Protein backbone atom coordinates (compact mmCIF):
# COMPACT_ATOMS: atom_id res chain seq x y z
CA MET A 1 -5.16 36.45 -11.81
CA ASP A 2 -6.75 39.10 -9.52
CA ARG A 3 -5.74 39.22 -5.87
CA ALA A 4 -9.12 38.07 -4.51
CA ARG A 5 -9.15 34.94 -6.67
CA HIS A 6 -5.52 34.25 -5.81
CA LEU A 7 -6.36 34.52 -2.11
CA ARG A 8 -9.27 32.10 -2.51
CA ASN A 9 -7.04 29.54 -4.22
CA TYR A 10 -4.42 29.94 -1.51
CA ASP A 11 -7.03 29.49 1.22
CA LEU A 12 -8.45 26.41 -0.54
CA HIS A 13 -5.00 24.83 -0.70
CA SER A 14 -4.31 25.70 2.95
CA TRP A 15 -7.63 24.49 4.37
CA THR A 16 -7.68 21.34 2.24
CA GLY A 17 -4.25 20.48 3.58
CA ILE A 18 -4.96 21.13 7.25
CA THR A 19 -8.43 19.57 7.46
CA LEU A 20 -7.46 16.26 5.88
CA GLY A 21 -3.68 16.62 5.79
CA LEU A 22 -3.03 14.10 8.57
CA ILE A 23 -5.10 11.45 6.79
CA VAL A 24 -3.23 12.12 3.55
CA TYR A 25 0.03 11.80 5.50
CA ILE A 26 -1.06 8.47 7.01
CA VAL A 27 -2.06 7.04 3.62
CA ALA A 28 1.17 8.31 1.99
CA LEU A 29 3.52 6.97 4.67
CA THR A 30 1.80 3.59 4.98
CA GLY A 31 1.92 3.38 1.19
CA THR A 32 5.73 3.51 1.24
CA PHE A 33 5.72 0.28 3.28
CA ALA A 34 2.91 -1.30 1.23
CA LEU A 35 5.13 -1.02 -1.86
CA PHE A 36 7.23 -3.89 -0.48
CA ASP A 37 4.39 -6.24 0.39
CA ASN A 38 5.89 -9.25 -1.40
CA GLU A 39 9.38 -8.55 -0.08
CA ILE A 40 8.09 -8.25 3.49
CA LYS A 41 6.17 -11.53 3.11
CA THR A 42 9.45 -13.28 2.34
CA TRP A 43 11.26 -11.43 5.15
CA GLU A 44 8.70 -12.40 7.79
CA ASP A 45 8.64 -16.13 6.99
CA PRO A 46 12.03 -17.91 6.65
CA ASN A 47 10.24 -20.89 5.05
CA LEU A 48 9.72 -18.76 1.93
CA ARG A 49 13.38 -17.87 1.44
CA VAL A 50 14.06 -20.40 -1.32
CA ALA A 51 15.51 -20.08 -4.80
CA ILE A 52 13.22 -20.75 -7.76
CA SER A 53 14.27 -23.05 -10.59
CA ASP A 54 12.59 -24.47 -13.68
CA ASP A 55 12.64 -27.95 -12.12
CA THR A 56 9.62 -27.53 -9.85
CA PRO A 57 8.04 -30.72 -8.49
CA ALA A 58 4.79 -32.20 -9.79
CA ILE A 59 1.98 -30.66 -7.78
CA ASN A 60 -1.28 -31.97 -9.23
CA GLU A 61 -1.75 -34.98 -6.94
CA VAL A 62 -1.09 -32.95 -3.81
CA PHE A 63 -3.21 -30.03 -5.01
CA SER A 64 -6.23 -32.03 -6.21
CA THR A 65 -6.24 -34.16 -3.03
CA TRP A 66 -6.24 -31.00 -0.92
CA VAL A 67 -9.13 -29.54 -2.93
CA GLU A 68 -11.25 -32.68 -2.53
CA GLU A 69 -10.52 -33.14 1.18
CA THR A 70 -10.98 -29.48 2.09
CA SER A 71 -14.28 -29.03 0.24
CA ALA A 72 -15.70 -32.43 1.27
CA GLY A 73 -19.15 -32.00 2.75
CA GLY A 74 -19.75 -28.73 0.94
CA THR A 75 -22.71 -28.20 -1.33
CA GLU A 76 -20.97 -26.42 -4.22
CA LEU A 77 -17.33 -25.72 -5.16
CA GLU A 78 -17.36 -22.20 -6.61
CA PHE A 79 -13.80 -21.84 -7.85
CA VAL A 80 -10.32 -23.32 -7.55
CA ARG A 81 -7.06 -21.40 -7.98
CA LEU A 82 -3.38 -22.32 -7.97
CA ASN A 83 -0.46 -19.88 -8.10
CA TYR A 84 2.82 -21.30 -9.40
CA PRO A 85 6.11 -20.31 -7.71
CA THR A 86 7.61 -16.95 -8.70
CA THR A 87 10.55 -14.92 -7.45
CA TYR A 88 8.34 -12.88 -5.13
CA THR A 89 6.07 -15.74 -4.05
CA PRO A 90 8.43 -18.75 -4.08
CA TYR A 91 5.85 -21.44 -3.35
CA PHE A 92 2.76 -23.11 -4.78
CA TRP A 93 -0.32 -21.40 -3.35
CA GLY A 94 -3.77 -22.94 -3.65
CA PHE A 95 -7.14 -21.27 -3.02
CA ILE A 96 -10.69 -22.59 -3.05
CA GLN A 97 -14.11 -21.16 -2.30
CA TYR A 98 -17.13 -23.37 -1.64
CA HIS A 99 -20.54 -23.40 0.06
CA ASP A 100 -20.75 -25.27 3.35
CA GLU A 101 -23.76 -27.24 4.59
CA ASN A 102 -25.39 -23.97 5.68
CA ASP A 103 -24.86 -22.50 2.19
CA GLU A 104 -22.29 -20.01 3.54
CA HIS A 105 -19.21 -19.01 1.55
CA VAL A 106 -16.03 -20.67 2.87
CA ASN A 107 -12.50 -19.75 1.71
CA ALA A 108 -9.42 -21.91 2.23
CA ASN A 109 -5.80 -21.71 1.11
CA GLN A 110 -2.60 -23.76 1.40
CA LYS A 111 1.05 -23.28 0.43
CA TRP A 112 3.49 -25.97 -0.76
CA HIS A 113 7.28 -25.78 -0.92
CA ALA A 114 8.65 -24.88 -4.37
CA GLU A 115 11.48 -27.47 -4.18
CA THR A 116 9.88 -30.40 -2.38
CA GLY A 117 6.12 -29.94 -2.81
CA GLU A 118 5.68 -30.43 0.94
CA PRO A 119 2.98 -28.38 2.71
CA ILE A 120 4.23 -25.21 4.37
CA ALA A 121 2.95 -24.69 7.89
CA GLU A 122 0.26 -22.05 7.87
CA ARG A 123 1.42 -18.80 9.39
CA GLY A 124 -1.10 -16.34 10.77
CA ASN A 125 -1.60 -12.99 9.09
CA GLY A 126 0.64 -10.39 10.64
CA LEU A 127 3.31 -7.96 9.49
CA SER A 128 2.86 -7.99 5.70
CA TYR A 129 -0.92 -8.33 5.91
CA TRP A 130 -1.24 -5.36 8.26
CA THR A 131 1.27 -3.24 6.29
CA LEU A 132 -0.55 -3.66 2.99
CA ASN A 133 -4.14 -3.57 4.16
CA PHE A 134 -3.84 -0.70 6.63
CA HIS A 135 -2.79 1.35 3.61
CA ARG A 136 -5.61 0.00 1.44
CA ASP A 137 -8.55 0.31 3.78
CA PHE A 138 -7.32 1.08 7.34
CA LEU A 139 -8.54 -2.46 8.17
CA TRP A 140 -11.82 -0.71 8.83
CA PRO A 141 -13.81 -2.59 11.53
CA THR A 142 -16.87 -4.60 10.62
CA PHE A 143 -19.11 -2.88 13.16
CA LEU A 144 -18.50 0.44 11.34
CA GLY A 145 -19.43 -0.90 7.92
CA GLY A 146 -16.54 -3.17 7.00
CA ARG A 147 -13.39 -2.77 4.98
CA GLN A 148 -15.14 -1.65 1.82
CA ILE A 149 -15.97 1.57 3.67
CA GLY A 150 -12.30 1.95 4.52
CA ARG A 151 -11.35 1.45 0.88
CA TRP A 152 -13.75 4.17 -0.19
CA LEU A 153 -12.27 6.51 2.43
CA VAL A 154 -8.76 5.89 1.08
CA GLY A 155 -10.06 6.62 -2.42
CA ILE A 156 -11.55 9.88 -1.18
CA VAL A 157 -8.13 10.74 0.29
CA GLY A 158 -6.76 10.43 -3.25
CA VAL A 159 -9.39 12.88 -4.45
CA VAL A 160 -8.45 15.29 -1.63
CA LEU A 161 -4.77 15.03 -2.57
CA MET A 162 -5.62 15.81 -6.19
CA LEU A 163 -7.55 18.88 -5.02
CA ALA A 164 -4.61 20.00 -2.87
CA ILE A 165 -2.22 19.57 -5.81
CA LEU A 166 -4.41 21.52 -8.23
CA SER A 167 -5.09 24.33 -5.78
CA GLY A 168 -1.41 24.48 -4.86
CA VAL A 169 -0.34 24.84 -8.49
CA VAL A 170 -2.89 27.60 -9.06
CA ALA A 171 -2.04 29.37 -5.80
CA HIS A 172 1.69 29.55 -6.45
CA THR A 173 2.08 31.83 -9.43
CA LYS A 174 5.89 31.93 -9.39
CA ILE A 175 6.49 28.23 -9.87
CA ARG A 176 9.71 28.61 -11.86
CA GLU A 177 11.34 30.76 -9.17
CA GLU A 178 9.96 28.71 -6.25
CA ALA A 179 11.27 25.44 -7.71
CA TYR A 180 14.85 26.62 -7.05
CA SER A 181 14.35 28.81 -3.96
CA MET A 182 15.90 27.43 -0.74
CA ARG A 183 16.70 30.02 1.93
CA LEU A 184 18.84 27.80 4.14
CA LYS A 185 20.19 30.62 6.30
CA ARG A 186 16.80 32.01 7.29
CA SER A 187 14.35 30.90 9.98
CA GLN A 188 13.20 27.32 10.48
CA ARG A 189 9.73 28.23 9.23
CA LEU A 190 11.12 29.62 5.97
CA LYS A 191 13.19 26.47 5.51
CA TRP A 192 10.00 24.44 5.98
CA GLN A 193 8.11 26.57 3.49
CA ASP A 194 10.83 26.44 0.86
CA SER A 195 11.24 22.68 1.32
CA HIS A 196 7.47 22.23 1.01
CA LYS A 197 7.42 24.15 -2.28
CA VAL A 198 10.63 22.80 -3.86
CA VAL A 199 9.99 19.12 -3.06
CA GLY A 200 6.32 19.49 -3.95
CA LEU A 201 7.01 21.06 -7.32
CA TRP A 202 9.74 18.63 -8.37
CA GLY A 203 7.68 15.63 -7.32
CA LEU A 204 4.45 16.98 -8.79
CA PRO A 205 4.08 14.46 -11.68
CA PHE A 206 4.55 11.52 -9.32
CA TYR A 207 2.18 12.91 -6.69
CA ALA A 208 -0.50 13.59 -9.29
CA MET A 209 -0.17 10.04 -10.64
CA ILE A 210 -0.33 8.50 -7.14
CA ALA A 211 -3.34 10.64 -6.22
CA PHE A 212 -5.23 9.73 -9.40
CA THR A 213 -4.50 5.99 -9.32
CA GLY A 214 -5.19 5.83 -5.58
CA ALA A 215 -8.49 7.63 -6.03
CA PHE A 216 -9.42 5.30 -8.89
CA LEU A 217 -8.57 2.10 -7.00
CA GLY A 218 -10.47 3.25 -3.93
CA VAL A 219 -13.51 4.85 -5.52
CA VAL A 220 -14.04 2.27 -8.29
CA GLY A 221 -15.78 0.03 -5.75
CA LEU A 222 -18.14 2.85 -4.82
CA VAL A 223 -18.84 3.54 -8.49
CA SER A 224 -19.63 -0.13 -9.12
CA GLN A 225 -22.00 -0.13 -6.14
CA LEU A 226 -23.78 2.92 -7.51
CA ALA A 227 -23.96 1.39 -10.99
CA ALA A 228 -25.39 -1.82 -9.55
CA ALA A 229 -27.89 0.14 -7.48
CA VAL A 230 -29.09 2.09 -10.50
CA ALA A 231 -29.07 -0.61 -13.16
CA PHE A 232 -29.47 -3.88 -11.23
CA LYS A 233 -31.15 -2.87 -7.95
CA GLY A 234 -27.93 -3.38 -5.99
CA ASP A 235 -27.05 -6.81 -7.44
CA ILE A 236 -23.26 -6.71 -7.96
CA ASP A 237 -23.21 -10.23 -9.44
CA SER A 238 -25.61 -9.10 -12.17
CA LEU A 239 -23.36 -6.13 -12.94
CA ILE A 240 -20.32 -8.42 -13.25
CA GLY A 241 -22.30 -10.79 -15.46
CA ALA A 242 -23.33 -7.91 -17.71
CA VAL A 243 -19.69 -6.83 -18.12
CA LEU A 244 -17.98 -10.23 -18.44
CA GLY A 245 -20.87 -12.31 -19.67
CA PRO A 246 -22.86 -14.94 -17.76
CA GLU A 247 -21.12 -18.02 -16.36
CA ALA A 248 -22.11 -21.43 -17.66
CA GLU A 249 -24.34 -23.37 -15.27
CA ARG A 250 -23.19 -26.75 -14.00
CA THR A 251 -24.82 -29.77 -15.65
CA GLY A 252 -23.75 -32.31 -13.05
CA VAL A 253 -21.84 -34.41 -15.63
CA GLN A 254 -18.40 -35.13 -14.13
CA VAL A 255 -15.28 -35.05 -16.31
CA GLN A 256 -11.57 -35.61 -15.74
CA MET A 257 -10.04 -32.16 -15.27
CA LEU A 258 -6.87 -30.96 -16.93
CA SER A 259 -4.16 -31.44 -14.30
CA ALA A 260 -2.25 -28.59 -12.64
CA ASP A 261 0.98 -30.01 -14.08
CA GLU A 262 -0.47 -30.04 -17.61
CA ILE A 263 -1.70 -26.46 -17.24
CA ALA A 264 1.82 -25.44 -16.15
CA GLN A 265 3.08 -26.48 -19.61
CA ILE A 266 0.55 -24.40 -21.58
CA ARG A 267 2.69 -21.53 -22.73
CA HIS A 268 1.24 -18.23 -23.86
CA PRO A 269 0.55 -18.45 -27.63
CA GLU A 270 2.17 -15.08 -28.38
CA THR A 271 4.89 -14.56 -25.75
CA GLY A 272 5.78 -18.19 -24.98
CA VAL A 273 5.97 -17.61 -21.21
CA ARG A 274 4.72 -20.13 -18.68
CA PRO A 275 1.59 -19.52 -16.57
CA GLN A 276 1.75 -17.68 -13.27
CA SER A 277 -1.57 -19.08 -12.03
CA PHE A 278 -4.94 -20.44 -13.09
CA VAL A 279 -8.56 -20.31 -11.92
CA VAL A 280 -11.11 -23.05 -12.58
CA ARG A 281 -14.83 -22.34 -12.66
CA ASN A 282 -17.32 -25.24 -12.38
CA TYR A 283 -14.50 -27.53 -11.20
CA GLY A 284 -15.03 -31.17 -12.23
CA ASP A 285 -18.09 -30.42 -14.39
CA GLU A 286 -18.29 -30.73 -18.17
CA THR A 287 -18.90 -26.96 -18.33
CA SER A 288 -15.64 -26.21 -16.50
CA GLU A 289 -13.45 -23.42 -17.85
CA ILE A 290 -9.91 -22.51 -16.88
CA ASP A 291 -8.60 -18.93 -16.97
CA ILE A 292 -4.79 -19.08 -17.25
CA PHE A 293 -2.88 -16.01 -16.07
CA TYR A 294 0.47 -15.00 -17.58
CA ALA A 295 2.99 -12.27 -16.88
CA PRO A 296 2.06 -9.38 -19.22
CA GLU A 297 4.12 -8.69 -22.33
CA THR A 298 4.08 -5.02 -21.37
CA GLN A 299 4.76 -4.66 -17.65
CA LEU A 300 2.33 -1.77 -17.20
CA SER A 301 -0.52 -4.23 -16.83
CA THR A 302 -1.68 -6.72 -14.25
CA VAL A 303 -1.86 -9.99 -16.22
CA GLU A 304 -2.65 -11.49 -19.59
CA ILE A 305 -5.33 -14.18 -19.61
CA ILE A 306 -6.45 -16.93 -21.95
CA SER A 307 -9.41 -19.25 -21.31
CA VAL A 308 -9.43 -22.97 -22.13
CA ASP A 309 -11.85 -25.86 -21.76
CA GLY A 310 -11.39 -27.48 -18.35
CA ALA A 311 -11.27 -31.04 -19.70
CA THR A 312 -9.62 -30.77 -23.12
CA GLY A 313 -7.42 -27.68 -22.81
CA GLU A 314 -8.77 -26.29 -26.08
CA ARG A 315 -8.82 -22.52 -26.23
CA ILE A 316 -12.24 -20.95 -25.98
CA THR A 317 -12.87 -18.84 -29.08
CA ASP A 318 -15.08 -16.27 -27.41
CA ASP A 319 -12.39 -15.40 -24.88
CA PRO A 320 -13.41 -11.92 -23.61
CA PHE A 321 -9.77 -11.04 -22.84
CA LYS A 322 -8.40 -11.80 -26.31
CA GLU A 323 -9.16 -8.38 -27.77
CA GLN A 324 -9.12 -6.09 -24.78
CA PRO A 325 -10.42 -2.55 -25.44
CA LEU A 326 -8.38 0.54 -24.65
CA ALA A 327 -10.44 1.14 -21.52
CA GLY A 328 -9.47 -2.31 -20.28
CA HIS A 329 -5.76 -1.56 -20.69
CA PHE A 330 -6.31 1.72 -18.83
CA VAL A 331 -7.97 -0.01 -15.89
CA ASN A 332 -5.35 -2.77 -15.78
CA ALA A 333 -2.57 -0.17 -15.57
CA MET A 334 -3.92 1.46 -12.40
CA SER A 335 -2.58 -1.04 -9.86
CA PRO A 336 0.92 -1.48 -11.40
CA LEU A 337 1.25 2.30 -11.67
CA HIS A 338 0.20 2.83 -8.07
CA TYR A 339 2.37 0.12 -6.50
CA GLY A 340 5.36 0.25 -8.88
CA THR A 341 5.13 -3.42 -9.84
CA TYR A 342 5.96 -2.84 -13.52
CA GLY A 343 9.71 -2.64 -12.81
CA GLY A 344 12.32 -4.18 -10.57
CA ILE A 345 13.45 -3.50 -7.03
CA TRP A 346 15.12 -0.22 -7.98
CA LEU A 347 11.88 1.20 -9.29
CA LYS A 348 10.29 0.36 -5.94
CA PHE A 349 13.12 2.17 -4.16
CA LEU A 350 12.45 5.21 -6.37
CA TYR A 351 8.73 5.01 -5.50
CA PHE A 352 9.72 4.72 -1.84
CA ALA A 353 11.82 7.89 -1.97
CA LEU A 354 9.11 9.85 -3.80
CA GLY A 355 6.38 8.50 -1.51
CA LEU A 356 8.43 9.47 1.50
CA SER A 357 8.86 12.97 0.07
CA LEU A 358 5.06 13.23 -0.26
CA SER A 359 4.75 12.30 3.42
CA VAL A 360 7.34 14.94 4.33
CA ILE A 361 5.73 17.82 2.43
CA THR A 362 2.31 16.88 3.84
CA ALA A 363 3.75 16.92 7.36
CA LEU A 364 5.54 20.21 6.70
CA GLY A 365 2.30 21.74 5.42
CA SER A 366 0.43 20.98 8.64
CA MET A 367 3.36 22.14 10.77
CA MET A 368 3.56 25.45 8.88
CA TRP A 369 -0.18 26.00 9.26
CA ILE A 370 0.10 25.70 13.04
CA GLU A 371 3.30 27.77 13.23
CA ARG A 372 1.75 30.66 11.29
CA ARG A 373 -1.15 30.83 13.71
CA LYS A 374 0.88 30.25 16.83
CA HIS A 375 3.72 32.69 16.09
CA GLY A 376 2.32 34.85 13.29
CA ASN A 377 -0.65 37.12 12.83
CA GLU A 378 -3.22 34.65 11.44
CA GLY A 379 -4.28 32.91 14.65
CA THR A 380 -7.61 33.67 16.29
CA LYS A 381 -7.40 31.08 19.09
CA SER A 382 -5.42 31.08 22.31
CA GLU A 383 -1.78 30.07 22.53
CA THR A 384 -2.80 27.05 24.63
CA PHE A 385 -5.10 25.87 21.83
CA TYR A 386 -2.33 26.04 19.22
CA ASN A 387 0.15 24.39 21.59
CA ARG A 388 -2.16 21.44 22.07
CA LEU A 389 -2.92 21.27 18.37
CA GLY A 390 0.81 21.24 17.70
CA TYR A 391 1.42 18.42 20.20
CA PHE A 392 -1.36 16.36 18.62
CA ASN A 393 -0.07 17.01 15.09
CA THR A 394 3.52 16.14 16.01
CA GLY A 395 2.50 13.04 17.95
CA VAL A 396 0.47 11.64 15.06
CA ILE A 397 3.14 12.44 12.47
CA MET A 398 6.17 11.23 14.39
CA GLY A 399 4.47 8.36 16.20
CA LEU A 400 3.41 6.62 12.97
CA PRO A 401 6.89 5.68 11.65
CA VAL A 402 7.87 4.35 15.10
CA ALA A 403 4.70 2.21 15.07
CA ALA A 404 5.41 0.98 11.54
CA ILE A 405 8.91 -0.16 12.52
CA SER A 406 7.84 -1.68 15.84
CA ILE A 407 5.76 -4.45 14.23
CA PHE A 408 8.90 -5.80 12.51
CA TYR A 409 10.19 -6.51 16.02
CA LEU A 410 6.90 -8.07 17.06
CA ASP A 411 7.01 -10.38 14.04
CA LYS A 412 10.30 -11.93 15.10
CA LEU A 413 9.61 -11.95 18.87
CA TYR A 414 5.97 -13.13 18.81
CA VAL A 415 5.39 -16.38 20.75
CA GLY A 416 1.59 -16.67 20.83
CA ALA A 417 -0.83 -18.70 18.71
CA GLU A 418 -0.74 -17.99 14.99
CA SER A 419 -4.45 -17.25 15.05
CA GLY A 420 -3.72 -14.28 17.31
CA ARG A 421 -0.80 -12.83 15.35
CA LEU A 422 -2.85 -10.23 13.45
CA ALA A 423 -4.56 -8.98 16.62
CA ALA A 424 -1.19 -8.68 18.34
CA THR A 425 0.25 -6.84 15.35
CA GLY A 426 -2.60 -4.33 15.32
CA SER A 427 -2.42 -3.85 19.09
CA VAL A 428 1.30 -3.10 19.03
CA TYR A 429 1.00 -0.85 15.99
CA LEU A 430 -1.82 1.27 17.42
CA GLY A 431 -0.41 1.10 20.94
CA VAL A 432 3.01 2.42 19.97
CA TRP A 433 1.36 5.11 17.87
CA VAL A 434 -0.68 6.26 20.88
CA ILE A 435 2.46 6.23 23.05
CA GLY A 436 4.11 8.56 20.52
CA LEU A 437 1.10 10.86 20.75
CA VAL A 438 1.17 10.85 24.56
CA TYR A 439 4.92 11.50 24.51
CA ALA A 440 4.37 14.64 22.42
CA PHE A 441 2.00 16.03 25.07
CA ILE A 442 4.38 15.10 27.90
CA ARG A 443 7.43 16.55 26.12
CA ARG A 444 5.57 19.80 25.33
CA ASN A 445 8.11 20.78 22.68
CA ASP A 446 7.29 19.97 19.05
CA TYR A 447 10.89 20.48 17.91
CA SER A 448 12.40 18.18 20.53
CA THR A 449 9.67 15.57 20.02
CA THR A 450 10.30 15.53 16.27
CA ARG A 451 14.05 15.26 16.75
CA GLU A 452 13.90 12.49 19.33
CA LEU A 453 11.29 10.34 17.60
CA LEU A 454 13.14 10.66 14.29
CA MET A 455 16.30 9.35 15.91
CA LEU A 456 14.36 6.57 17.66
CA THR A 457 12.79 5.54 14.33
CA GLY A 458 16.22 5.43 12.70
CA ALA A 459 17.77 3.41 15.51
CA LEU A 460 14.92 0.88 15.42
CA ALA A 461 15.19 0.58 11.62
CA MET A 462 18.93 -0.08 11.79
CA GLY A 463 18.30 -2.79 14.38
CA ILE A 464 16.00 -4.79 12.06
CA PRO A 465 18.83 -6.54 10.12
CA VAL A 466 20.43 -7.50 13.43
CA LEU A 467 17.10 -8.82 14.73
CA ASN A 468 16.58 -10.87 11.57
CA GLY A 469 20.10 -12.29 11.68
CA ILE A 470 19.85 -13.30 15.34
CA THR A 471 16.40 -14.90 15.10
CA THR A 472 16.75 -16.66 11.72
CA GLY A 473 20.50 -16.96 11.11
CA ASP A 474 20.11 -15.21 7.72
CA TRP A 475 22.51 -12.27 7.75
CA PHE A 476 21.63 -10.01 4.85
CA PHE A 477 25.18 -9.49 3.52
CA ALA A 478 25.45 -13.25 2.85
CA HIS A 479 22.32 -13.32 0.66
CA LEU A 480 22.32 -10.11 -1.40
CA SER A 481 23.78 -11.90 -4.44
CA ALA A 482 21.79 -15.11 -3.95
CA ASP A 483 18.75 -16.20 -5.95
CA HIS A 484 16.55 -15.68 -2.88
CA SER A 485 17.86 -12.23 -1.96
CA ILE A 486 14.47 -10.54 -1.44
CA ALA A 487 14.56 -10.65 2.37
CA ALA A 488 18.15 -9.37 2.29
CA TRP A 489 17.01 -6.30 0.34
CA VAL A 490 14.50 -5.52 3.10
CA ASP A 491 17.33 -5.62 5.65
CA LEU A 492 19.59 -3.45 3.53
CA GLY A 493 16.79 -0.95 2.88
CA MET A 494 16.09 -0.67 6.59
CA LEU A 495 19.77 -0.16 7.32
CA VAL A 496 20.07 2.70 4.82
CA CYS A 497 16.76 4.33 5.79
CA GLY A 498 17.67 4.07 9.45
CA ALA A 499 20.98 5.84 8.93
CA VAL A 500 19.32 8.61 6.89
CA THR A 501 16.57 9.05 9.51
CA ILE A 502 19.09 9.31 12.35
CA ALA A 503 21.00 11.93 10.37
CA ALA A 504 17.76 13.86 9.73
CA GLY A 505 16.97 13.77 13.44
CA TYR A 506 20.46 14.89 14.40
CA LEU A 507 20.26 17.86 12.03
CA SER A 508 16.79 18.87 13.22
CA PRO A 509 16.63 21.75 15.74
CA ALA A 510 15.71 20.95 19.33
CA GLU A 511 14.22 24.40 19.94
CA ARG A 512 12.52 27.13 17.96
CA LYS A 513 15.16 29.77 17.25
CA THR A 514 12.94 32.69 16.27
CA LYS A 515 10.96 34.69 18.76
CA ARG A 516 7.23 35.17 18.69
CA ARG A 517 6.13 38.46 17.11
CA PRO A 518 2.41 38.92 17.85
CA ASN A 519 2.30 42.47 16.51
CA ALA A 520 3.60 41.70 13.05
CA LYS A 521 1.86 43.69 10.33
CA ILE A 522 -0.40 42.02 7.81
CA ALA A 523 1.49 41.46 4.59
CA ALA A 524 0.27 42.50 1.17
CA SER A 525 -0.10 39.06 -0.42
CA PRO A 526 -1.24 35.59 0.67
CA GLU A 527 2.31 34.21 0.45
CA ALA A 528 3.71 37.09 2.47
CA ALA A 529 0.84 36.89 4.95
CA ALA A 530 1.76 33.29 5.56
CA ILE A 531 5.19 34.32 6.89
CA PRO A 532 5.87 36.95 9.54
CA ALA A 533 8.70 39.35 8.81
CA GLU A 534 12.07 37.92 9.73
């Protein structure tokens, strides 16, 4: 590759990283928490910490009564859904959607205890909801276009990450040597650069997969909107109907529906497993159909589905999911691949470590970019400009993990109305993040700020198991071997991560050890130009 082309690739990688690097960092770090959405749901609500057995109570009477009472007065019941208890969601969970008297869509849901069938008090959205959805769509405000816009933005971040990966591979021509090169006795900047390259190269397959699946999950909504705009004049429902086939229209003839308890006994014809959930369309009508969802035979998929008649339970012969094309399997694999749900808890821990490494190399990339311009020969702005840019960069990077940990404390100490829990969670999250940013400007030392906020993050993380034990009485070491150990794994994970983070902070330098050399000569290659002579 000629030097000019090599320089262009290097510049593309550098500018892609610095212009959108902080957003990539935010999506990557929040994604490490989003991996444990189900575990955090169980941790935040002690009512869900129950063991699951095969002897679940009959639920149909309770469920059907709730459906009728909740949708009473509505003009049309669109769909009904019930999730059966599983290890990660140890409760019955019902959903309905109907039209009210003003013909507006209304959604409702209710949980019932897996052992007693008693209703579980509704808990406002908070910790787990914010953790998952801030990663998915930044909880993008309605007045700026709504959360679909946020989802598209996250998808675009995946595209940017793919571009950074490709340009980085092309720019670094000595990959084999760089994959093993760690100059631990040289300057802090060289340590950063070597860490950025080594971790990036060894984690490259995982990062490429995460970037691609994240881009797909985010951008697929935009693609469907464009397809609907072109083919159906913006009508998404028509697009869905064209793909899945039209739904049968209600005739108004009422029939006795198959009960939720009877559906629970319909095992999958090939695998023999019990249903995880079901959805009823045209509930109570003679045209009703029930889609029954099962755990997939191959875990790299979302679900397996069969459709049956809502009244008789007979399988519908033209089931569109019976012979799924290769493209369908490809699409279904995107979400399990991205969130690591096709394995157990240890696979999620592996995803967590690799996702954290992606956050680290992204942060190191932006730090190196500023350092080269502040202390090297590439900067064209004033020292004050690069100082302020460094404070902003450090505050955003180091303030985010403190904010992410702080809402665990809010969850256990919150005393307000459940309807206000999500607003309080968002306020604390964003407020603590801003405090971290302000602290970086007050401290005026990127090295000290990084060191101190790392140690604060670690200390807060290690305090989470203590907080949980004091407020709920569930000490994690007593539940790790129990059937409902999911919340205990969250505590243990926080304890380990906290200790590692404190150690990382302790080992981090409090000051820059190399002196500024403004008169350094321009090196002969892009890689050399990125690093002043030592």
